[in-house]
N, C-alpha and C. Protein backbone atom coordinates (compact mmCIF):
# COMPACT_ATOMS: atom_id res chain seq x y z
N UNK A 1 -136.36 220.15 41.95
CA UNK A 1 -136.26 219.05 41.03
C UNK A 1 -136.12 219.58 39.61
N UNK A 2 -135.26 218.92 38.83
CA UNK A 2 -135.01 219.33 37.45
C UNK A 2 -136.17 218.91 36.54
N UNK A 3 -136.39 219.68 35.48
CA UNK A 3 -137.39 219.26 34.50
C UNK A 3 -136.98 217.93 33.86
N UNK A 4 -137.95 217.23 33.34
CA UNK A 4 -137.73 215.89 32.81
C UNK A 4 -136.65 215.85 31.72
N UNK A 5 -136.65 216.80 30.80
CA UNK A 5 -135.68 216.80 29.70
C UNK A 5 -134.25 216.94 30.23
N UNK A 6 -134.05 217.76 31.25
CA UNK A 6 -132.71 217.93 31.81
C UNK A 6 -132.25 216.67 32.54
N UNK A 7 -133.18 216.00 33.22
CA UNK A 7 -132.82 214.75 33.91
C UNK A 7 -132.40 213.70 32.90
N UNK A 8 -133.11 213.62 31.77
CA UNK A 8 -132.77 212.64 30.74
C UNK A 8 -131.39 212.92 30.15
N UNK A 9 -131.09 214.19 29.90
CA UNK A 9 -129.78 214.55 29.36
C UNK A 9 -128.67 214.20 30.35
N UNK A 10 -128.93 214.46 31.62
CA UNK A 10 -127.94 214.17 32.65
C UNK A 10 -127.67 212.66 32.73
N UNK A 11 -128.73 211.87 32.67
CA UNK A 11 -128.56 210.42 32.71
C UNK A 11 -127.82 209.92 31.48
N UNK A 12 -128.11 210.48 30.33
CA UNK A 12 -127.45 210.06 29.09
C UNK A 12 -125.95 210.36 29.14
N UNK A 13 -125.59 211.53 29.65
CA UNK A 13 -124.17 211.86 29.72
C UNK A 13 -123.45 210.98 30.74
N UNK A 14 -124.12 210.63 31.82
CA UNK A 14 -123.53 209.73 32.81
C UNK A 14 -123.36 208.34 32.22
N UNK A 15 -124.34 207.87 31.47
CA UNK A 15 -124.27 206.55 30.85
C UNK A 15 -123.07 206.44 29.91
N UNK A 16 -122.84 207.47 29.11
CA UNK A 16 -121.72 207.40 28.17
C UNK A 16 -120.38 207.36 28.90
N UNK A 17 -120.26 208.05 30.03
CA UNK A 17 -119.03 207.99 30.80
C UNK A 17 -118.84 206.62 31.42
N UNK A 18 -119.92 206.02 31.90
CA UNK A 18 -119.84 204.71 32.54
C UNK A 18 -119.45 203.64 31.53
N UNK A 19 -119.93 203.73 30.32
CA UNK A 19 -119.63 202.73 29.30
C UNK A 19 -118.22 202.85 28.75
N UNK A 20 -117.47 203.83 29.19
CA UNK A 20 -116.08 203.97 28.76
C UNK A 20 -115.91 204.66 27.42
N UNK A 21 -116.84 205.48 27.04
CA UNK A 21 -116.74 206.17 25.76
C UNK A 21 -116.04 207.51 25.94
N UNK A 22 -114.84 207.45 26.49
CA UNK A 22 -114.07 208.67 26.67
C UNK A 22 -112.77 208.53 25.88
N UNK A 23 -112.10 209.62 25.65
CA UNK A 23 -110.87 209.61 24.87
C UNK A 23 -109.78 208.85 25.63
N UNK A 24 -109.16 207.92 24.93
CA UNK A 24 -108.10 207.13 25.53
C UNK A 24 -106.76 207.68 25.07
N UNK A 25 -105.81 207.76 25.98
CA UNK A 25 -104.48 208.25 25.63
C UNK A 25 -103.80 207.26 24.69
N UNK A 26 -102.88 207.77 23.89
CA UNK A 26 -102.17 206.89 22.97
C UNK A 26 -100.68 207.23 22.98
N UNK A 27 -99.88 206.29 22.53
CA UNK A 27 -98.43 206.43 22.48
C UNK A 27 -97.96 206.29 21.04
N UNK A 28 -97.07 207.18 20.63
CA UNK A 28 -96.44 207.07 19.32
C UNK A 28 -95.08 206.42 19.54
N UNK A 29 -94.88 205.26 18.93
CA UNK A 29 -93.66 204.48 19.13
C UNK A 29 -92.90 204.43 17.81
N UNK A 30 -91.59 204.72 17.87
CA UNK A 30 -90.76 204.73 16.67
C UNK A 30 -89.56 203.82 16.89
N UNK A 31 -89.29 202.95 15.93
CA UNK A 31 -88.12 202.07 15.99
C UNK A 31 -86.89 202.88 15.57
N UNK A 32 -85.91 203.02 16.47
CA UNK A 32 -84.74 203.84 16.18
C UNK A 32 -83.46 203.01 16.04
N UNK A 33 -83.49 201.75 16.44
CA UNK A 33 -82.33 200.87 16.29
C UNK A 33 -82.76 199.60 15.55
N UNK A 34 -81.80 198.97 14.92
CA UNK A 34 -82.07 197.79 14.10
C UNK A 34 -82.46 196.58 14.95
N UNK A 35 -83.27 195.71 14.36
CA UNK A 35 -83.66 194.46 15.01
C UNK A 35 -82.65 193.35 14.71
N UNK A 36 -81.73 193.61 13.83
CA UNK A 36 -80.73 192.62 13.44
C UNK A 36 -79.85 192.24 14.63
N UNK A 37 -79.72 190.95 14.88
CA UNK A 37 -78.87 190.46 15.96
C UNK A 37 -79.48 190.54 17.34
N UNK A 38 -80.73 190.91 17.45
CA UNK A 38 -81.40 191.02 18.75
C UNK A 38 -82.00 189.68 19.15
N UNK A 39 -82.37 189.56 20.40
CA UNK A 39 -83.03 188.35 20.87
C UNK A 39 -84.32 188.13 20.09
N UNK A 40 -84.62 186.88 19.83
CA UNK A 40 -85.81 186.53 19.06
C UNK A 40 -87.08 187.07 19.71
N UNK A 41 -87.13 187.02 21.04
CA UNK A 41 -88.33 187.51 21.74
C UNK A 41 -88.47 189.03 21.59
N UNK A 42 -87.35 189.75 21.52
CA UNK A 42 -87.41 191.20 21.36
C UNK A 42 -87.86 191.56 19.95
N UNK A 43 -87.41 190.80 18.96
CA UNK A 43 -87.84 191.02 17.58
C UNK A 43 -89.34 190.75 17.46
N UNK A 44 -89.80 189.68 18.09
CA UNK A 44 -91.23 189.35 18.05
C UNK A 44 -92.06 190.43 18.73
N UNK A 45 -91.55 190.99 19.82
CA UNK A 45 -92.27 192.06 20.52
C UNK A 45 -92.37 193.30 19.64
N UNK A 46 -91.27 193.66 18.98
CA UNK A 46 -91.29 194.81 18.07
C UNK A 46 -92.29 194.60 16.94
N UNK A 47 -92.30 193.40 16.38
CA UNK A 47 -93.23 193.11 15.29
C UNK A 47 -94.68 193.13 15.77
N UNK A 48 -94.91 192.73 17.03
CA UNK A 48 -96.28 192.77 17.56
C UNK A 48 -96.78 194.20 17.70
N UNK A 49 -95.84 195.14 17.82
CA UNK A 49 -96.20 196.56 17.86
C UNK A 49 -96.29 197.17 16.46
N UNK A 50 -95.97 196.38 15.44
CA UNK A 50 -96.04 196.87 14.06
C UNK A 50 -94.76 197.53 13.60
N UNK A 51 -93.65 197.25 14.27
CA UNK A 51 -92.36 197.86 13.94
C UNK A 51 -91.47 196.81 13.28
N UNK A 52 -91.12 197.03 12.01
CA UNK A 52 -90.30 196.06 11.29
C UNK A 52 -89.01 196.66 10.76
N UNK A 53 -88.98 197.95 10.51
CA UNK A 53 -87.80 198.61 9.96
C UNK A 53 -87.47 199.85 10.77
N UNK A 54 -86.21 200.25 10.71
CA UNK A 54 -85.80 201.48 11.38
C UNK A 54 -86.61 202.64 10.79
N UNK A 55 -87.14 203.47 11.65
CA UNK A 55 -87.94 204.61 11.20
C UNK A 55 -89.43 204.35 11.19
N UNK A 56 -89.85 203.09 11.31
CA UNK A 56 -91.28 202.79 11.38
C UNK A 56 -91.88 203.42 12.63
N UNK A 57 -93.06 203.99 12.48
CA UNK A 57 -93.80 204.55 13.61
C UNK A 57 -95.16 203.90 13.69
N UNK A 58 -95.66 203.78 14.90
CA UNK A 58 -97.00 203.24 15.10
C UNK A 58 -97.62 203.95 16.30
N UNK A 59 -98.93 204.02 16.30
CA UNK A 59 -99.66 204.60 17.42
C UNK A 59 -100.40 203.47 18.12
N UNK A 60 -100.15 203.33 19.41
CA UNK A 60 -100.74 202.25 20.20
C UNK A 60 -101.47 202.85 21.39
N UNK A 61 -102.46 202.15 21.93
CA UNK A 61 -103.15 202.65 23.12
C UNK A 61 -102.22 202.61 24.33
N UNK A 62 -102.41 203.57 25.22
CA UNK A 62 -101.60 203.62 26.44
C UNK A 62 -102.25 202.72 27.48
N UNK A 63 -101.81 201.47 27.54
CA UNK A 63 -102.34 200.51 28.50
C UNK A 63 -101.20 199.66 29.04
N UNK A 64 -101.44 198.87 30.07
CA UNK A 64 -100.36 198.08 30.67
C UNK A 64 -99.67 197.12 29.70
N UNK A 65 -100.42 196.56 28.75
CA UNK A 65 -99.82 195.63 27.79
C UNK A 65 -98.79 196.35 26.92
N UNK A 66 -99.16 197.50 26.41
CA UNK A 66 -98.25 198.26 25.56
C UNK A 66 -97.05 198.75 26.37
N UNK A 67 -97.29 199.22 27.59
CA UNK A 67 -96.19 199.69 28.45
C UNK A 67 -95.20 198.56 28.74
N UNK A 68 -95.70 197.34 28.93
CA UNK A 68 -94.83 196.20 29.18
C UNK A 68 -93.95 195.89 27.98
N UNK A 69 -94.53 195.97 26.79
CA UNK A 69 -93.76 195.72 25.57
C UNK A 69 -92.67 196.79 25.40
N UNK A 70 -93.03 198.03 25.70
CA UNK A 70 -92.06 199.12 25.59
C UNK A 70 -90.94 198.93 26.61
N UNK A 71 -91.28 198.47 27.80
CA UNK A 71 -90.26 198.23 28.83
C UNK A 71 -89.26 197.17 28.36
N UNK A 72 -89.75 196.17 27.63
CA UNK A 72 -88.89 195.09 27.15
C UNK A 72 -87.94 195.57 26.05
N UNK A 73 -88.44 196.36 25.12
CA UNK A 73 -87.60 196.79 23.99
C UNK A 73 -87.34 198.29 24.02
N UNK A 74 -87.33 198.87 25.18
CA UNK A 74 -87.13 200.31 25.32
C UNK A 74 -85.82 200.82 24.74
N UNK A 75 -84.81 199.96 24.69
CA UNK A 75 -83.52 200.36 24.14
C UNK A 75 -83.53 200.43 22.61
N UNK A 76 -84.61 199.97 21.99
CA UNK A 76 -84.72 199.98 20.53
C UNK A 76 -85.66 201.06 20.00
N UNK A 77 -86.48 201.63 20.87
CA UNK A 77 -87.55 202.52 20.42
C UNK A 77 -87.50 203.87 21.13
N UNK A 78 -88.17 204.85 20.53
CA UNK A 78 -88.44 206.12 21.20
C UNK A 78 -89.95 206.25 21.31
N UNK A 79 -90.40 206.82 22.41
CA UNK A 79 -91.84 206.88 22.69
C UNK A 79 -92.23 208.32 23.00
N UNK A 80 -93.34 208.77 22.40
CA UNK A 80 -93.92 210.07 22.73
C UNK A 80 -95.40 209.87 23.00
N UNK A 81 -95.92 210.64 23.94
CA UNK A 81 -97.35 210.55 24.26
C UNK A 81 -98.12 211.51 23.37
N UNK A 82 -99.29 211.05 22.94
CA UNK A 82 -100.16 211.90 22.11
C UNK A 82 -101.35 212.33 22.91
């Protein structure tokens, strides 16, 4: 059996993992084509990601919502993982 202090440390490290306090992956998204003349929904999606002008970059969390937005406007943006 482990000494009391080691058991407490082990429980604390397990608790932090369970609560989701781990590093989350992120995506760097850059607008490479103009929004002019695009579908209104595609322009709104780009703006929801914080992209308004050519060359704008934003860092977003790598989650299904962000991936869905990128799938919709993938022809307008370039994506790199961080």
